[in-house]
Amino acid sequence: MSTSWKTRTKLVHEGSRRSQYGEVSEAIFLTQGFVYDSAEAAEARFIEAGDDEFIYARYGNPTVAMFEDRMAAIEGTEDAFATASGMAAVSGALTSMLKAGDHVVSARALFGSCLYVLEEVLTRYGVEVTFVDGTDLDAWRAAVRDDTKVVFLETIANPTLEVIDLRAVSEIAHAKGAKVLVDNVFATPVFSNAVEQGADVVIYSATKHIDGQGRTLGGVILGSKDYIRKTVEPYMKHTGGSMSPFTAWVLLKGLETLDLRVRAQAATALALSQALAEHPKLLRAIYPGHPGHAQHALTMSEMGSGGTMIALDVAGGKEAAFRFLNALEIVKISNNLGDAKSIATHPATTTHQRLSDEQRTVLGITPGLIRLSVGIEDGDDLVADVLGALGHA
């Protein structure tokens, strides 16, 4: 494969492994195990498997390897490990490299399940976690210590769409010898420059934009070959969070259209944010690509686009937000995002309902907040749908 290929070409061709039949579409190697020519060959492979040799589906599979290689090529990392879900990627990336007594500094604004892993799981096993306002660089400087092992953040926060200065946070972390792990779902692989901006490990929920059509769960951890194969792989293959071959095939098909879908979604999201900017039924319309966003300049510098997500804070709280949701016709109520279909979510009662009222207030998750994932429908139709629903709020 050519290193000079642009992203859209890599999304279609990178990592392909063709069988003796010369198939056009990637083959699904739907097998959990592999046959060896001899007992000696089996012994040798368990001692050290070659680059294109496989042992067991929990350890690796040709179809899964195609997905991993393609993701590493477009993200600009040395290697990748595919996981059963996005949260398997988050928990696996963190847990595989941490032990009791280690210190983690994390942005406070995170997806609810990410907060659970940091607040409940890691601390249960003796990891110390410090939370900071991710947009406050002085807070990062004060929190990151000489013994900090990991810094964790979402490049764009879920669901309030705050954007973190990844380059600056990476410099702060690296000065103390800490690794930078980023959940990059909202940025998408299309707009991401996370590695160039200092991230050591990049995590995606492939369930979102990579699949993009609501079909399957998946995740991927990207980083150096040493980290992926010596830290992540041993942990994941023994704890069982690996991706299935069929899921990898579905995601390979999703990658082929990822650039086209995400750019179309982002263009519609920008148009929708402009239509909603001064709407009287909204306390806030939040879109990182809109000039009114607090980190707009940073967003354009880091991503070159505002992405596919909008947050709307409906005046009148939960009751008004529910009236708005129930009046939508094209936009569907669900808790997924990054889909071809536009999806609206009420975080306070779904994805972040586990949090206390005080925690949600700190994070800016108000009773009227709606997270809107913009799909690939006609932009004019979406604007009309959202404006019409706001008339009922």
Protein backbone atom coordinates (compact mmCIF):
# COMPACT_ATOMS: atom_id res chain seq x y z
CA MET A 1 0.00 0.00 0.00
CA SER A 2 1.16 3.54 -0.71
CA THR A 3 1.95 5.94 2.13
CA SER A 4 1.18 8.85 -0.23
CA TRP A 5 -2.49 7.89 -0.59
CA LYS A 6 -5.06 10.36 0.71
CA THR A 7 -7.48 9.35 3.46
CA ARG A 8 -10.40 8.55 1.16
CA THR A 9 -8.26 6.11 -0.83
CA LYS A 10 -6.90 4.48 2.32
CA LEU A 11 -10.44 4.03 3.63
CA VAL A 12 -11.22 1.85 0.61
CA HIS A 13 -7.98 -0.08 0.06
CA GLU A 14 -5.62 -0.16 3.06
CA GLY A 15 -4.97 -3.44 4.85
CA SER A 16 -6.66 -5.65 2.24
CA ARG A 17 -5.71 -9.35 2.33
CA ARG A 18 -6.90 -11.32 -0.70
CA SER A 19 -7.24 -15.09 -0.74
CA GLN A 20 -6.26 -17.29 -3.68
CA TYR A 21 -9.62 -16.47 -5.25
CA GLY A 22 -8.82 -12.77 -5.75
CA GLU A 23 -12.11 -11.47 -4.32
CA VAL A 24 -12.95 -7.76 -4.72
CA SER A 25 -14.74 -7.35 -1.38
CA GLU A 26 -12.84 -8.35 1.73
CA ALA A 27 -13.38 -11.96 2.76
CA ILE A 28 -14.97 -12.90 6.08
CA PHE A 29 -12.82 -15.50 7.78
CA LEU A 30 -15.59 -16.70 10.06
CA THR A 31 -13.46 -19.08 12.11
CA GLN A 32 -12.43 -19.15 15.75
CA GLY A 33 -9.36 -21.35 15.23
CA PHE A 34 -6.67 -22.25 12.70
CA VAL A 35 -5.06 -25.51 11.56
CA TYR A 36 -1.31 -26.20 11.71
CA ASP A 37 0.65 -28.43 9.35
CA SER A 38 2.32 -30.19 12.27
CA ALA A 39 2.67 -30.23 16.04
CA GLU A 40 6.01 -28.49 15.59
CA ALA A 41 4.34 -25.71 13.58
CA ALA A 42 1.73 -25.23 16.31
CA GLU A 43 4.45 -25.00 18.95
CA ALA A 44 6.41 -22.48 16.90
CA ARG A 45 3.38 -20.26 16.33
CA PHE A 46 2.53 -20.15 20.04
CA ILE A 47 6.11 -19.13 20.77
CA GLU A 48 5.99 -16.31 18.22
CA ALA A 49 3.34 -15.81 15.55
CA GLY A 50 4.39 -14.10 12.34
CA ASP A 51 2.81 -10.93 11.02
CA ASP A 52 0.23 -12.85 8.98
CA GLU A 53 -0.14 -15.91 11.20
CA PHE A 54 -3.10 -16.47 13.51
CA ILE A 55 -3.79 -18.69 16.53
CA TYR A 56 -7.30 -18.06 17.83
CA ALA A 57 -9.98 -15.45 17.15
CA ARG A 58 -9.50 -13.87 20.57
CA TYR A 59 -5.87 -13.26 19.59
CA GLY A 60 -6.49 -12.17 16.01
CA ASN A 61 -8.17 -13.05 12.71
CA PRO A 62 -7.45 -12.11 9.06
CA THR A 63 -10.66 -10.08 8.66
CA VAL A 64 -10.09 -8.31 11.98
CA ALA A 65 -6.47 -7.64 11.00
CA MET A 66 -7.65 -5.92 7.82
CA PHE A 67 -9.80 -3.57 9.90
CA GLU A 68 -6.94 -2.92 12.35
CA ASP A 69 -4.44 -2.20 9.57
CA ARG A 70 -6.85 0.14 7.78
CA MET A 71 -7.61 2.07 10.98
CA ALA A 72 -3.91 2.43 11.83
CA ALA A 73 -3.19 3.68 8.31
CA ILE A 74 -5.82 6.42 8.39
CA GLU A 75 -5.11 7.48 11.99
CA GLY A 76 -1.34 7.53 11.50
CA THR A 77 -0.38 5.06 14.23
CA GLU A 78 1.92 2.06 14.09
CA ASP A 79 -0.71 -0.48 15.09
CA ALA A 80 -4.26 -1.06 16.30
CA PHE A 81 -6.30 -3.60 18.26
CA ALA A 82 -10.00 -4.09 17.48
CA THR A 83 -12.40 -4.65 20.36
CA ALA A 84 -15.95 -5.90 20.89
CA SER A 85 -17.33 -2.41 21.65
CA GLY A 86 -16.27 1.18 22.17
CA MET A 87 -16.33 0.75 25.93
CA ALA A 88 -14.20 -2.40 25.63
CA ALA A 89 -11.67 -0.14 23.90
CA VAL A 90 -11.83 2.53 26.61
CA SER A 91 -11.64 0.13 29.55
CA GLY A 92 -9.05 -2.08 27.84
CA ALA A 93 -6.76 0.80 26.90
CA LEU A 94 -6.81 2.16 30.45
CA THR A 95 -6.85 -1.04 32.49
CA SER A 96 -4.13 -2.76 30.50
CA MET A 97 -1.58 -0.06 31.34
CA LEU A 98 -2.58 0.85 34.91
CA LYS A 99 -2.03 -0.78 38.29
CA ALA A 100 -2.78 0.01 41.93
CA GLY A 101 -1.08 3.22 43.01
CA ASP A 102 -1.01 4.81 39.56
CA HIS A 103 -2.40 8.31 39.04
CA VAL A 104 -4.73 9.40 36.22
CA VAL A 105 -5.82 12.93 35.36
CA SER A 106 -9.01 13.13 33.31
CA ALA A 107 -11.26 15.78 31.86
CA ARG A 108 -14.50 15.85 33.86
CA ALA A 109 -16.84 16.11 30.87
CA LEU A 110 -17.12 12.54 29.57
CA PHE A 111 -19.63 10.00 28.32
CA GLY A 112 -21.43 8.37 31.25
CA SER A 113 -19.82 4.94 30.81
CA CYS A 114 -16.34 6.50 30.59
CA LEU A 115 -17.03 8.25 33.88
CA TYR A 116 -18.09 4.92 35.38
CA VAL A 117 -14.82 3.24 34.36
CA LEU A 118 -12.77 6.06 35.86
CA GLU A 119 -14.84 6.73 38.98
CA GLU A 120 -15.94 3.22 39.90
CA VAL A 121 -13.79 0.58 38.22
CA LEU A 122 -10.26 1.99 38.30
CA THR A 123 -10.56 3.44 41.80
CA ARG A 124 -11.90 0.09 43.06
CA TYR A 125 -8.52 -1.41 42.21
CA GLY A 126 -6.39 1.31 43.72
CA VAL A 127 -5.91 3.76 40.85
CA GLU A 128 -6.11 7.42 41.89
CA VAL A 129 -8.14 9.60 39.51
CA THR A 130 -8.22 13.40 39.47
CA PHE A 131 -10.86 15.20 37.41
CA VAL A 132 -10.38 18.67 35.91
CA ASP A 133 -12.20 21.15 33.71
CA GLY A 134 -10.79 20.00 30.37
CA THR A 135 -10.85 23.48 28.84
CA ASP A 136 -8.78 24.98 31.70
CA LEU A 137 -5.08 24.51 30.95
CA ASP A 138 -4.10 25.83 34.39
CA ALA A 139 -6.22 23.08 35.93
CA TRP A 140 -4.30 20.48 33.90
CA ARG A 141 -0.98 21.99 34.98
CA ALA A 142 -2.02 21.89 38.63
CA ALA A 143 -3.32 18.31 38.46
CA VAL A 144 -0.65 16.51 36.41
CA ARG A 145 2.10 15.31 38.79
CA ASP A 146 5.51 13.72 38.43
CA ASP A 147 3.90 10.33 39.16
CA THR A 148 0.92 10.77 36.79
CA LYS A 149 0.79 7.77 34.48
CA VAL A 150 -2.08 8.69 32.13
CA VAL A 151 -4.02 11.74 30.99
CA PHE A 152 -7.46 10.93 29.55
CA LEU A 153 -9.90 13.12 27.64
CA GLU A 154 -12.52 13.30 24.94
CA THR A 155 -11.29 15.65 22.22
CA ILE A 156 -14.88 16.91 21.94
CA ALA A 157 -16.86 16.34 25.13
CA ASN A 158 -20.02 14.24 25.15
CA PRO A 159 -22.65 15.74 25.26
CA THR A 160 -21.81 19.43 25.80
CA LEU A 161 -19.34 19.69 22.88
CA GLU A 162 -16.54 21.44 24.72
CA VAL A 163 -13.30 21.22 22.72
CA ILE A 164 -10.01 20.58 24.51
CA ASP A 165 -6.66 22.00 23.38
CA LEU A 166 -5.08 18.60 22.75
CA ARG A 167 -1.69 19.95 21.74
CA ALA A 168 -1.35 22.00 24.94
CA VAL A 169 -2.61 19.20 27.21
CA SER A 170 -0.21 16.77 25.54
CA GLU A 171 2.71 19.09 26.18
CA ILE A 172 1.72 19.35 29.86
CA ALA A 173 1.40 15.57 30.17
CA HIS A 174 4.57 14.68 28.31
CA ALA A 175 6.60 17.12 30.38
CA LYS A 176 5.77 14.92 33.38
CA GLY A 177 6.23 11.64 31.50
CA ALA A 178 2.51 10.82 31.30
CA LYS A 179 0.83 9.16 28.32
CA VAL A 180 -2.09 10.90 26.59
CA LEU A 181 -5.16 8.74 25.83
CA VAL A 182 -7.98 10.34 23.85
CA ASP A 183 -11.50 9.18 23.09
CA ASN A 184 -11.84 10.65 19.61
CA VAL A 185 -15.37 9.59 18.67
CA PHE A 186 -16.85 13.02 18.01
CA ALA A 187 -13.80 14.16 16.01
CA THR A 188 -14.07 11.06 13.76
CA PRO A 189 -11.09 9.57 11.89
CA VAL A 190 -11.92 11.92 9.00
CA PHE A 191 -11.26 15.14 10.92
CA SER A 192 -8.81 13.77 13.50
CA ASN A 193 -5.24 15.01 13.84
CA ALA A 194 -4.91 13.58 17.35
CA VAL A 195 -1.58 11.79 16.87
CA GLU A 196 0.00 14.81 15.21
CA GLN A 197 -1.26 16.95 18.12
CA GLY A 198 0.36 14.74 20.75
CA ALA A 199 -1.96 11.84 21.56
CA ASP A 200 -0.14 8.60 22.39
CA VAL A 201 -3.25 6.42 22.25
CA VAL A 202 -6.44 7.07 20.26
CA ILE A 203 -9.70 5.25 20.99
CA TYR A 204 -12.84 4.99 18.86
CA SER A 205 -16.22 3.50 19.35
CA ALA A 206 -16.55 2.03 15.86
CA THR A 207 -20.26 1.61 16.65
CA LYS A 208 -20.63 5.28 15.79
CA HIS A 209 -19.43 6.93 12.56
CA ILE A 210 -17.23 4.02 11.42
CA ASP A 211 -20.19 1.69 11.10
CA GLY A 212 -22.50 4.63 10.63
CA GLN A 213 -25.58 2.57 9.92
CA GLY A 214 -26.66 1.23 13.31
CA ARG A 215 -25.69 -2.40 12.64
CA THR A 216 -23.07 -3.49 15.11
CA LEU A 217 -20.94 -2.78 18.18
CA GLY A 218 -17.20 -2.34 17.87
CA GLY A 219 -14.19 -0.40 19.07
CA VAL A 220 -10.51 0.10 18.31
CA ILE A 221 -7.40 1.12 20.26
CA LEU A 222 -4.62 2.78 18.25
CA GLY A 223 -1.04 3.47 19.29
CA SER A 224 2.55 2.34 19.00
CA LYS A 225 3.30 -1.26 18.03
CA ASP A 226 5.00 -1.80 21.39
CA TYR A 227 1.95 -0.60 23.34
CA ILE A 228 -0.60 -2.45 21.21
CA ARG A 229 1.20 -5.80 21.06
CA LYS A 230 2.92 -5.89 24.47
CA THR A 231 0.34 -4.12 26.66
CA VAL A 232 -3.10 -4.14 25.01
CA GLU A 233 -3.05 -7.48 23.17
CA PRO A 234 -2.09 -9.66 26.17
CA TYR A 235 -4.79 -8.02 28.29
CA MET A 236 -7.53 -8.16 25.65
CA LYS A 237 -6.89 -11.69 24.42
CA HIS A 238 -6.99 -13.08 27.97
CA THR A 239 -10.00 -11.05 29.14
CA GLY A 240 -12.10 -11.65 26.02
CA GLY A 241 -12.87 -8.20 24.63
CA SER A 242 -11.79 -8.92 21.04
CA MET A 243 -13.81 -8.11 17.92
CA SER A 244 -15.62 -10.80 15.93
CA PRO A 245 -14.69 -11.36 12.25
CA PHE A 246 -18.21 -10.57 11.06
CA THR A 247 -18.19 -7.25 12.93
CA ALA A 248 -14.80 -6.40 11.41
CA TRP A 249 -16.19 -7.07 7.92
CA VAL A 250 -19.20 -4.81 8.55
CA LEU A 251 -16.88 -2.06 9.76
CA LEU A 252 -14.58 -2.45 6.75
CA LYS A 253 -17.64 -1.80 4.58
CA GLY A 254 -18.49 1.21 6.74
CA LEU A 255 -15.00 2.66 6.33
CA GLU A 256 -15.40 2.76 2.54
CA THR A 257 -18.05 5.48 2.79
CA LEU A 258 -16.92 7.12 6.05
CA ASP A 259 -15.36 10.22 4.48
CA LEU A 260 -18.37 10.84 2.24
CA ARG A 261 -20.86 10.40 5.06
CA VAL A 262 -19.06 12.43 7.71
CA ARG A 263 -18.35 15.41 5.45
CA ALA A 264 -22.00 15.51 4.36
CA GLN A 265 -23.17 15.25 7.98
CA ALA A 266 -20.83 18.04 9.08
CA ALA A 267 -22.02 20.34 6.30
CA THR A 268 -25.64 19.80 7.36
CA ALA A 269 -24.73 20.27 11.04
CA LEU A 270 -23.22 23.66 10.22
CA ALA A 271 -26.31 24.72 8.27
CA LEU A 272 -28.56 23.56 11.12
CA SER A 273 -26.48 25.45 13.71
CA GLN A 274 -26.81 28.63 11.66
CA ALA A 275 -30.58 28.20 11.41
CA LEU A 276 -30.86 27.70 15.18
CA ALA A 277 -28.32 30.25 16.41
CA GLU A 278 -30.83 32.85 17.67
CA HIS A 279 -33.93 30.71 18.06
CA PRO A 280 -36.18 32.07 20.85
CA LYS A 281 -37.05 28.57 22.15
CA LEU A 282 -33.38 27.79 22.81
CA LEU A 283 -31.20 28.91 25.70
CA ARG A 284 -28.16 27.65 23.80
CA ALA A 285 -27.38 26.11 20.42
CA ILE A 286 -23.93 24.55 20.70
CA TYR A 287 -21.90 23.61 17.64
CA PRO A 288 -18.08 23.74 17.60
CA GLY A 289 -18.07 24.77 13.93
CA HIS A 290 -20.21 27.86 14.58
CA PRO A 291 -18.31 31.14 15.18
CA GLY A 292 -20.30 31.64 18.39
CA HIS A 293 -18.81 28.53 20.03
CA ALA A 294 -16.30 29.34 22.79
CA GLN A 295 -13.64 27.10 21.22
CA HIS A 296 -14.48 27.73 17.57
CA ALA A 297 -10.96 28.86 16.60
CA LEU A 298 -9.44 25.88 18.40
CA THR A 299 -11.90 23.54 16.70
CA MET A 300 -11.01 24.76 13.24
CA SER A 301 -7.30 24.58 14.07
CA GLU A 302 -7.53 21.03 15.43
CA MET A 303 -10.14 19.51 13.09
CA GLY A 304 -10.93 21.94 10.28
CA SER A 305 -14.62 21.19 10.88
CA GLY A 306 -17.22 21.37 13.62
CA GLY A 307 -18.13 17.71 13.21
CA THR A 308 -21.52 16.01 13.10
CA MET A 309 -22.92 16.76 16.57
CA ILE A 310 -25.06 19.64 17.87
CA ALA A 311 -26.34 20.29 21.39
CA LEU A 312 -29.57 22.22 21.96
CA ASP A 313 -30.60 23.58 25.36
CA VAL A 314 -34.36 23.94 25.11
CA ALA A 315 -35.96 26.67 27.21
CA GLY A 316 -38.46 25.20 29.66
CA GLY A 317 -36.39 22.27 30.91
CA LYS A 318 -37.25 18.58 30.67
CA GLU A 319 -40.93 19.06 29.83
CA ALA A 320 -40.17 21.35 26.90
CA ALA A 321 -37.33 19.11 25.76
CA PHE A 322 -39.65 16.09 25.74
CA ARG A 323 -42.28 18.02 23.76
CA PHE A 324 -39.58 18.89 21.23
CA LEU A 325 -38.39 15.27 21.00
CA ASN A 326 -41.89 13.89 20.63
CA ALA A 327 -42.68 16.34 17.81
CA LEU A 328 -39.72 15.30 15.65
CA GLU A 329 -40.62 13.35 12.51
CA ILE A 330 -37.37 12.67 10.65
CA VAL A 331 -34.99 12.74 13.62
CA LYS A 332 -35.29 9.58 15.69
CA ILE A 333 -35.11 9.35 19.50
CA SER A 334 -32.29 6.98 20.43
CA ASN A 335 -29.02 6.95 22.38
CA ASN A 336 -26.65 6.17 19.52
CA LEU A 337 -24.80 8.75 17.42
CA GLY A 338 -22.80 9.01 14.21
CA ASP A 339 -25.52 7.17 12.31
CA ALA A 340 -26.77 7.78 8.77
CA LYS A 341 -30.10 8.55 10.45
CA SER A 342 -30.34 11.73 12.53
CA ILE A 343 -30.73 10.89 16.22
CA ALA A 344 -31.77 12.99 19.22
CA THR A 345 -30.89 12.07 22.81
CA HIS A 346 -31.89 13.56 26.16
CA PRO A 347 -28.67 12.94 28.17
CA ALA A 348 -30.07 13.83 31.61
CA THR A 349 -32.55 10.93 31.48
CA THR A 350 -30.54 8.45 29.37
CA THR A 351 -26.78 8.42 28.79
CA HIS A 352 -25.97 10.50 31.89
CA GLN A 353 -28.95 9.62 34.11
CA ARG A 354 -26.66 7.78 36.58
CA LEU A 355 -25.09 11.08 37.62
CA SER A 356 -26.41 13.20 40.46
CA ASP A 357 -28.12 16.52 39.76
CA GLU A 358 -25.02 18.26 41.11
CA GLN A 359 -22.71 16.35 38.77
CA ARG A 360 -24.87 17.09 35.76
CA THR A 361 -24.97 20.78 36.70
CA VAL A 362 -21.15 20.89 36.89
CA LEU A 363 -20.92 19.26 33.47
CA GLY A 364 -23.51 21.61 31.93
CA ILE A 365 -26.03 18.83 31.31
CA THR A 366 -29.22 20.78 31.96
CA PRO A 367 -32.76 19.32 32.01
CA GLY A 368 -33.39 20.94 28.62
CA LEU A 369 -30.23 19.72 26.89
CA ILE A 370 -30.67 17.64 23.72
CA ARG A 371 -27.75 15.93 21.93
CA LEU A 372 -28.43 15.88 18.21
CA SER A 373 -26.43 13.60 15.91
CA VAL A 374 -26.88 14.84 12.37
CA GLY A 375 -27.41 12.17 9.70
CA ILE A 376 -27.19 12.12 5.93
CA GLU A 377 -30.79 13.12 5.18
CA ASP A 378 -31.47 16.19 3.06
CA GLY A 379 -30.33 19.26 4.96
CA ASP A 380 -33.41 21.34 4.20
CA ASP A 381 -35.65 18.53 5.45
CA LEU A 382 -33.71 18.29 8.71
CA VAL A 383 -33.80 22.04 9.32
CA ALA A 384 -37.55 22.05 8.72
CA ASP A 385 -38.05 19.07 11.05
CA VAL A 386 -36.08 20.61 13.93
CA LEU A 387 -37.63 24.06 13.52
CA GLY A 388 -41.09 22.52 13.38
CA ALA A 389 -40.49 20.50 16.53
CA LEU A 390 -39.22 23.58 18.37
CA GLY A 391 -42.60 25.14 17.65
CA HIS A 392 -44.05 22.53 20.07
CA ALA A 393 -41.46 23.11 22.78
